[in-house]
């Protein structure tokens, strides 16, 4: 229960404060599947928040108001060059019991996804980067947000819209980025497995 409360508190703080997040981006086909959900929810005037802050479909790996982008960049660059595209399958819909009324697609927590996160955590920890409890490997909950600030009276409708996605939707995580928020501004990004200098 404590972990769940911690996770909800983190999301509330993340939604209203400024900071940085390390995010996984998807291949174009999977990204379009998520954007389809965003756009349907926006057309029905259920939620436009993610579009308004200029976010991109993603899974947040780590988030903090205290990241030093110049220090993080080298860690992420070295890490991403040793990785392969990561298979993902979003098979369920979830929500957080917070005032933000967040809806998300939950990826299957495969060993490869959990190891990816754990290895990046180790690389950051080795460089002295402090990681909050909710992003440590034993407490991290991966999810892809699809709606934020959904009116309580329309949560049922939003769930129905998301069920129409015909889950699971599958694809690959192909890129890792550091973004500043809100609004979302990308500081840098690297394609997984790309060892070519920019």
C-alpha atoms as a PDB file:
ATOM      1  CA  UNK A   1       0.000   0.000   0.000  1.00  0.00           C
ATOM      2  CA  UNK A   2       2.848   2.367   0.852  1.00  0.00           C
ATOM      3  CA  UNK A   3       4.365   1.870  -2.611  1.00  0.00           C
ATOM      4  CA  UNK A   4       1.044   2.661  -4.293  1.00  0.00           C
ATOM      5  CA  UNK A   5       0.585   5.835  -2.208  1.00  0.00           C
ATOM      6  CA  UNK A   6       4.149   6.861  -3.026  1.00  0.00           C
ATOM      7  CA  UNK A   7       3.498   6.293  -6.743  1.00  0.00           C
ATOM      8  CA  UNK A   8       0.306   8.395  -6.662  1.00  0.00           C
ATOM      9  CA  UNK A   9       2.034  11.203  -4.772  1.00  0.00           C
ATOM     10  CA  UNK A  10       4.891  11.149  -7.286  1.00  0.00           C
ATOM     11  CA  UNK A  11       2.479  11.466 -10.213  1.00  0.00           C
ATOM     12  CA  UNK A  12       0.715  14.420  -8.565  1.00  0.00           C
ATOM     13  CA  UNK A  13       4.044  16.179  -8.010  1.00  0.00           C
ATOM     14  CA  UNK A  14       5.254  15.345 -11.521  1.00  0.00           C
ATOM     15  CA  UNK A  15       2.056  16.711 -13.055  1.00  0.00           C
ATOM     16  CA  UNK A  16       2.242  20.106 -11.335  1.00  0.00           C
ATOM     17  CA  UNK A  17       5.938  20.860 -10.896  1.00  0.00           C
ATOM     18  CA  UNK A  18       8.789  21.543 -13.249  1.00  0.00           C
ATOM     19  CA  UNK A  19      11.503  19.000 -13.724  1.00  0.00           C
ATOM     20  CA  UNK A  20      13.143  16.494 -16.010  1.00  0.00           C
ATOM     21  CA  UNK A  21      12.198  13.018 -17.126  1.00  0.00           C
ATOM     22  CA  UNK A  22      14.071  10.268 -18.933  1.00  0.00           C
ATOM     23  CA  UNK A  23      11.571   8.749 -21.347  1.00  0.00           C
ATOM     24  CA  UNK A  24      11.368   5.809 -23.729  1.00  0.00           C
ATOM     25  CA  UNK A  25       9.892   6.641 -27.149  1.00  0.00           C
ATOM     26  CA  UNK A  26       8.268   4.141 -29.496  1.00  0.00           C
ATOM     27  CA  UNK A  27       8.528   3.102 -33.124  1.00  0.00           C
ATOM     28  CA  UNK A  28       6.219   5.124 -35.450  1.00  0.00           C
ATOM     29  CA  UNK A  29       3.501   2.447 -35.691  1.00  0.00           C
ATOM     30  CA  UNK A  30       3.187   2.031 -31.911  1.00  0.00           C
ATOM     31  CA  UNK A  31       3.419   5.787 -31.354  1.00  0.00           C
ATOM     32  CA  UNK A  32       0.538   6.266 -33.812  1.00  0.00           C
ATOM     33  CA  UNK A  33      -1.589   3.747 -31.897  1.00  0.00           C
ATOM     34  CA  UNK A  34      -1.138   5.778 -28.710  1.00  0.00           C
ATOM     35  CA  UNK A  35      -1.704   9.086 -30.539  1.00  0.00           C
ATOM     36  CA  UNK A  36      -4.943   7.652 -31.896  1.00  0.00           C
ATOM     37  CA  UNK A  37      -6.164   7.291 -28.300  1.00  0.00           C
ATOM     38  CA  UNK A  38      -5.045  10.838 -27.436  1.00  0.00           C
ATOM     39  CA  UNK A  39      -6.828  12.248 -30.482  1.00  0.00           C
ATOM     40  CA  UNK A  40     -10.098  10.382 -29.898  1.00  0.00           C
ATOM     41  CA  UNK A  41     -10.161  11.560 -26.269  1.00  0.00           C
ATOM     42  CA  UNK A  42      -9.405  15.118 -27.443  1.00  0.00           C
ATOM     43  CA  UNK A  43     -12.137  15.067 -30.140  1.00  0.00           C
ATOM     44  CA  UNK A  44     -14.647  13.961 -27.522  1.00  0.00           C
ATOM     45  CA  UNK A  45     -13.368  16.759 -25.249  1.00  0.00           C
ATOM     46  CA  UNK A  46     -12.523  14.268 -22.515  1.00  0.00           C
ATOM     47  CA  UNK A  47      -8.816  15.137 -22.189  1.00  0.00           C
ATOM     48  CA  UNK A  48      -6.404  17.319 -24.188  1.00  0.00           C
ATOM     49  CA  UNK A  49      -3.711  17.815 -21.536  1.00  0.00           C
ATOM     50  CA  UNK A  50      -0.991  15.627 -23.090  1.00  0.00           C
ATOM     51  CA  UNK A  51      -1.446  17.290 -26.479  1.00  0.00           C
ATOM     52  CA  UNK A  52      -1.438  20.776 -24.936  1.00  0.00           C
ATOM     53  CA  UNK A  53       1.860  20.268 -23.106  1.00  0.00           C
ATOM     54  CA  UNK A  54       3.335  18.909 -26.368  1.00  0.00           C
ATOM     55  CA  UNK A  55       4.174  15.537 -24.899  1.00  0.00           C
ATOM     56  CA  UNK A  56       5.015  12.510 -27.001  1.00  0.00           C
ATOM     57  CA  UNK A  57       3.840   8.926 -26.328  1.00  0.00           C
ATOM     58  CA  UNK A  58       6.311   7.483 -23.839  1.00  0.00           C
ATOM     59  CA  UNK A  59       7.142   5.428 -20.777  1.00  0.00           C
ATOM     60  CA  UNK A  60       8.847   7.443 -18.033  1.00  0.00           C
ATOM     61  CA  UNK A  61      11.946   5.677 -16.741  1.00  0.00           C
ATOM     62  CA  UNK A  62      13.056   8.306 -14.218  1.00  0.00           C
ATOM     63  CA  UNK A  63      11.877  11.776 -13.214  1.00  0.00           C
ATOM     64  CA  UNK A  64      13.367  14.452 -10.975  1.00  0.00           C
ATOM     65  CA  UNK A  65      13.451  18.226 -10.563  1.00  0.00           C
ATOM     66  CA  UNK A  66      17.188  17.934  -9.877  1.00  0.00           C
ATOM     67  CA  UNK A  67      18.737  16.261 -12.923  1.00  0.00           C
ATOM     68  CA  UNK A  68      21.805  17.916 -14.424  1.00  0.00           C
ATOM     69  CA  UNK A  69      21.196  17.493 -18.182  1.00  0.00           C
ATOM     70  CA  UNK A  70      24.895  17.686 -19.084  1.00  0.00           C
ATOM     71  CA  UNK A  71      25.740  14.873 -16.656  1.00  0.00           C
ATOM     72  CA  UNK A  72      22.743  12.749 -17.689  1.00  0.00           C
ATOM     73  CA  UNK A  73      23.503  13.110 -21.417  1.00  0.00           C
ATOM     74  CA  UNK A  74      26.778  11.154 -21.327  1.00  0.00           C
ATOM     75  CA  UNK A  75      25.249   8.405 -19.190  1.00  0.00           C
ATOM     76  CA  UNK A  76      22.227   7.997 -21.501  1.00  0.00           C
ATOM     77  CA  UNK A  77      24.348   8.222 -24.657  1.00  0.00           C
ATOM     78  CA  UNK A  78      26.724   5.461 -23.516  1.00  0.00           C
ATOM     79  CA  UNK A  79      23.877   3.323 -22.219  1.00  0.00           C
ATOM     80  CA  UNK A  80      21.713   3.642 -25.344  1.00  0.00           C
ATOM     81  CA  UNK A  81      24.579   2.690 -27.669  1.00  0.00           C
ATOM     82  CA  UNK A  82      24.765  -0.739 -25.986  1.00  0.00           C
ATOM     83  CA  UNK A  83      21.015  -1.444 -26.193  1.00  0.00           C
ATOM     84  CA  UNK A  84      18.731  -2.949 -28.806  1.00  0.00           C
ATOM     85  CA  UNK A  85      15.178  -1.896 -29.651  1.00  0.00           C
ATOM     86  CA  UNK A  86      12.952  -3.130 -26.852  1.00  0.00           C
ATOM     87  CA  UNK A  87       9.749  -5.110 -27.605  1.00  0.00           C
ATOM     88  CA  UNK A  88       6.667  -3.672 -25.899  1.00  0.00           C
ATOM     89  CA  UNK A  89       3.082  -4.845 -25.629  1.00  0.00           C
ATOM     90  CA  UNK A  90       0.385  -2.703 -24.011  1.00  0.00           C
ATOM     91  CA  UNK A  91      -2.309  -5.100 -22.899  1.00  0.00           C
ATOM     92  CA  UNK A  92      -4.268  -3.313 -20.178  1.00  0.00           C
ATOM     93  CA  UNK A  93      -5.738   0.039 -19.181  1.00  0.00           C
ATOM     94  CA  UNK A  94      -5.224   1.582 -15.756  1.00  0.00           C
ATOM     95  CA  UNK A  95      -5.979   4.694 -13.755  1.00  0.00           C
ATOM     96  CA  UNK A  96      -4.505   6.394 -10.729  1.00  0.00           C
ATOM     97  CA  UNK A  97      -6.757   7.289  -7.780  1.00  0.00           C
ATOM     98  CA  UNK A  98      -5.518  10.857  -7.662  1.00  0.00           C
ATOM     99  CA  UNK A  99      -7.096  14.245  -8.285  1.00  0.00           C
ATOM    100  CA  UNK A 100      -5.404  14.299 -11.714  1.00  0.00           C
ATOM    101  CA  UNK A 101      -7.612  11.440 -12.988  1.00  0.00           C
ATOM    102  CA  UNK A 102      -4.855   9.906 -15.087  1.00  0.00           C
ATOM    103  CA  UNK A 103      -5.512   7.033 -17.484  1.00  0.00           C
ATOM    104  CA  UNK A 104      -2.698   4.951 -18.929  1.00  0.00           C
ATOM    105  CA  UNK A 105      -1.818   1.922 -21.020  1.00  0.00           C
ATOM    106  CA  UNK A 106       0.196  -0.603 -19.037  1.00  0.00           C
ATOM    107  CA  UNK A 107       2.958  -2.539 -20.806  1.00  0.00           C
ATOM    108  CA  UNK A 108       3.541  -6.180 -20.006  1.00  0.00           C
ATOM    109  CA  UNK A 109       6.430  -5.992 -17.485  1.00  0.00           C
ATOM    110  CA  UNK A 110       8.745  -8.296 -19.439  1.00  0.00           C
ATOM    111  CA  UNK A 111      12.157  -9.299 -18.179  1.00  0.00           C
ATOM    112  CA  UNK A 112      13.781  -7.285 -20.988  1.00  0.00           C
ATOM    113  CA  UNK A 113      11.901  -4.092 -19.994  1.00  0.00           C
ATOM    114  CA  UNK A 114      12.687  -4.532 -16.303  1.00  0.00           C
ATOM    115  CA  UNK A 115      16.351  -5.286 -17.029  1.00  0.00           C
ATOM    116  CA  UNK A 116      16.602  -2.245 -19.318  1.00  0.00           C
ATOM    117  CA  UNK A 117      15.331  -0.018 -16.514  1.00  0.00           C
ATOM    118  CA  UNK A 118      17.520  -1.714 -13.894  1.00  0.00           C
ATOM    119  CA  UNK A 119      20.682  -1.398 -16.003  1.00  0.00           C
ATOM    120  CA  UNK A 120      20.068   2.311 -16.619  1.00  0.00           C
ATOM    121  CA  UNK A 121      19.433   2.762 -12.894  1.00  0.00           C
ATOM    122  CA  UNK A 122      22.785   1.085 -12.146  1.00  0.00           C
ATOM    123  CA  UNK A 123      24.590   3.287 -14.701  1.00  0.00           C
ATOM    124  CA  UNK A 124      23.103   6.434 -13.133  1.00  0.00           C
ATOM    125  CA  UNK A 125      23.761   5.308  -9.583  1.00  0.00           C
ATOM    126  CA  UNK A 126      27.401   4.590 -10.492  1.00  0.00           C
ATOM    127  CA  UNK A 127      27.739   8.245 -11.565  1.00  0.00           C
ATOM    128  CA  UNK A 128      26.240   9.485  -8.301  1.00  0.00           C
ATOM    129  CA  UNK A 129      22.792  10.387  -9.666  1.00  0.00           C
ATOM    130  CA  UNK A 130      20.211  10.238  -6.889  1.00  0.00           C
ATOM    131  CA  UNK A 131      17.074   8.315  -7.869  1.00  0.00           C
ATOM    132  CA  UNK A 132      13.764   8.754  -6.058  1.00  0.00           C
ATOM    133  CA  UNK A 133      12.211   5.682  -4.425  1.00  0.00           C
ATOM    134  CA  UNK A 134       9.350   5.363  -6.923  1.00  0.00           C
ATOM    135  CA  UNK A 135      11.858   4.934  -9.788  1.00  0.00           C
ATOM    136  CA  UNK A 136      14.062   2.300  -8.180  1.00  0.00           C
ATOM    137  CA  UNK A 137      13.974  -1.120  -9.858  1.00  0.00           C
ATOM    138  CA  UNK A 138      12.018  -2.790  -7.046  1.00  0.00           C
ATOM    139  CA  UNK A 139       9.271  -0.115  -6.999  1.00  0.00           C
ATOM    140  CA  UNK A 140       9.085   1.280 -10.564  1.00  0.00           C
ATOM    141  CA  UNK A 141       5.708   0.895 -12.309  1.00  0.00           C
ATOM    142  CA  UNK A 142       5.957   1.313 -16.106  1.00  0.00           C
ATOM    143  CA  UNK A 143       3.031   2.974 -17.857  1.00  0.00           C
ATOM    144  CA  UNK A 144       2.201   5.096 -20.907  1.00  0.00           C
ATOM    145  CA  UNK A 145      -0.113   8.016 -20.086  1.00  0.00           C
ATOM    146  CA  UNK A 146      -3.041   8.513 -22.469  1.00  0.00           C
ATOM    147  CA  UNK A 147      -5.196  11.016 -20.564  1.00  0.00           C
ATOM    148  CA  UNK A 148      -4.734  13.485 -17.738  1.00  0.00           C
ATOM    149  CA  UNK A 149      -7.279  15.593 -15.843  1.00  0.00           C
ATOM    150  CA  UNK A 150     -10.235  13.512 -17.041  1.00  0.00           C
ATOM    151  CA  UNK A 151     -13.468  14.839 -15.483  1.00  0.00           C
ATOM    152  CA  UNK A 152     -14.722  12.323 -12.925  1.00  0.00           C
ATOM    153  CA  UNK A 153     -18.096  12.166 -14.631  1.00  0.00           C
ATOM    154  CA  UNK A 154     -16.427  11.043 -17.878  1.00  0.00           C
ATOM    155  CA  UNK A 155     -14.021   8.379 -16.592  1.00  0.00           C
ATOM    156  CA  UNK A 156     -16.340   5.570 -17.693  1.00  0.00           C
ATOM    157  CA  UNK A 157     -16.586   7.034 -21.201  1.00  0.00           C
ATOM    158  CA  UNK A 158     -12.797   7.412 -21.364  1.00  0.00           C
ATOM    159  CA  UNK A 159     -12.314   3.747 -20.412  1.00  0.00           C
ATOM    160  CA  UNK A 160     -14.782   2.728 -23.137  1.00  0.00           C
ATOM    161  CA  UNK A 161     -12.840   4.748 -25.718  1.00  0.00           C
ATOM    162  CA  UNK A 162      -9.587   3.067 -24.681  1.00  0.00           C
ATOM    163  CA  UNK A 163     -11.156  -0.409 -24.768  1.00  0.00           C
ATOM    164  CA  UNK A 164     -11.993   0.263 -28.417  1.00  0.00           C
ATOM    165  CA  UNK A 165      -8.238   0.307 -29.133  1.00  0.00           C
ATOM    166  CA  UNK A 166      -8.467  -3.485 -29.355  1.00  0.00           C
ATOM    167  CA  UNK A 167      -5.600  -4.196 -26.994  1.00  0.00           C
ATOM    168  CA  UNK A 168      -2.953  -5.436 -26.965  1.00  0.00           C
ATOM    169  CA  UNK A 169      -1.063  -2.976 -29.130  1.00  0.00           C
ATOM    170  CA  UNK A 170       2.554  -3.932 -29.654  1.00  0.00           C
ATOM    171  CA  UNK A 171       5.742  -2.506 -31.079  1.00  0.00           C
ATOM    172  CA  UNK A 172       9.169  -1.400 -29.929  1.00  0.00           C
ATOM    173  CA  UNK A 173      10.843   1.206 -27.768  1.00  0.00           C
ATOM    174  CA  UNK A 174      13.425   2.650 -30.147  1.00  0.00           C
ATOM    175  CA  UNK A 175      14.650   5.873 -28.566  1.00  0.00           C
ATOM    176  CA  UNK A 176      15.527   7.311 -25.167  1.00  0.00           C
ATOM    177  CA  UNK A 177      15.309  11.015 -24.352  1.00  0.00           C
ATOM    178  CA  UNK A 178      15.652  13.570 -21.585  1.00  0.00           C
ATOM    179  CA  UNK A 179      12.799  16.064 -21.532  1.00  0.00           C
ATOM    180  CA  UNK A 180      12.077  19.124 -19.452  1.00  0.00           C
ATOM    181  CA  UNK A 181       8.455  19.710 -18.410  1.00  0.00           C
ATOM    182  CA  UNK A 182       5.988  21.409 -18.511  1.00  0.00           C
ATOM    183  CA  UNK A 183       5.622  22.191 -21.347  1.00  0.00           C
ATOM    184  CA  UNK A 184       7.637  19.289 -22.715  1.00  0.00           C
ATOM    185  CA  UNK A 185      10.925  20.309 -24.301  1.00  0.00           C
ATOM    186  CA  UNK A 186      13.375  17.659 -25.430  1.00  0.00           C
ATOM    187  CA  UNK A 187      16.931  18.250 -24.166  1.00  0.00           C
ATOM    188  CA  UNK A 188      18.405  15.340 -26.153  1.00  0.00           C
ATOM    189  CA  UNK A 189      17.515  11.906 -27.497  1.00  0.00           C
ATOM    190  CA  UNK A 190      19.392   8.841 -28.698  1.00  0.00           C
ATOM    191  CA  UNK A 191      18.263   5.928 -30.857  1.00  0.00           C
ATOM    192  CA  UNK A 192      18.799   2.623 -29.069  1.00  0.00           C
ATOM    193  CA  UNK A 193      21.804   0.802 -30.504  1.00  0.00           C
ATOM    194  CA  UNK A 194      22.978   3.818 -32.497  1.00  0.00           C
ATOM    195  CA  UNK A 195      26.736   4.185 -32.107  1.00  0.00           C
ATOM    196  CA  UNK A 196      27.066   6.806 -34.866  1.00  0.00           C
ATOM    197  CA  UNK A 197      28.221  10.221 -33.688  1.00  0.00           C
ATOM    198  CA  UNK A 198      25.704  13.010 -34.454  1.00  0.00           C
END
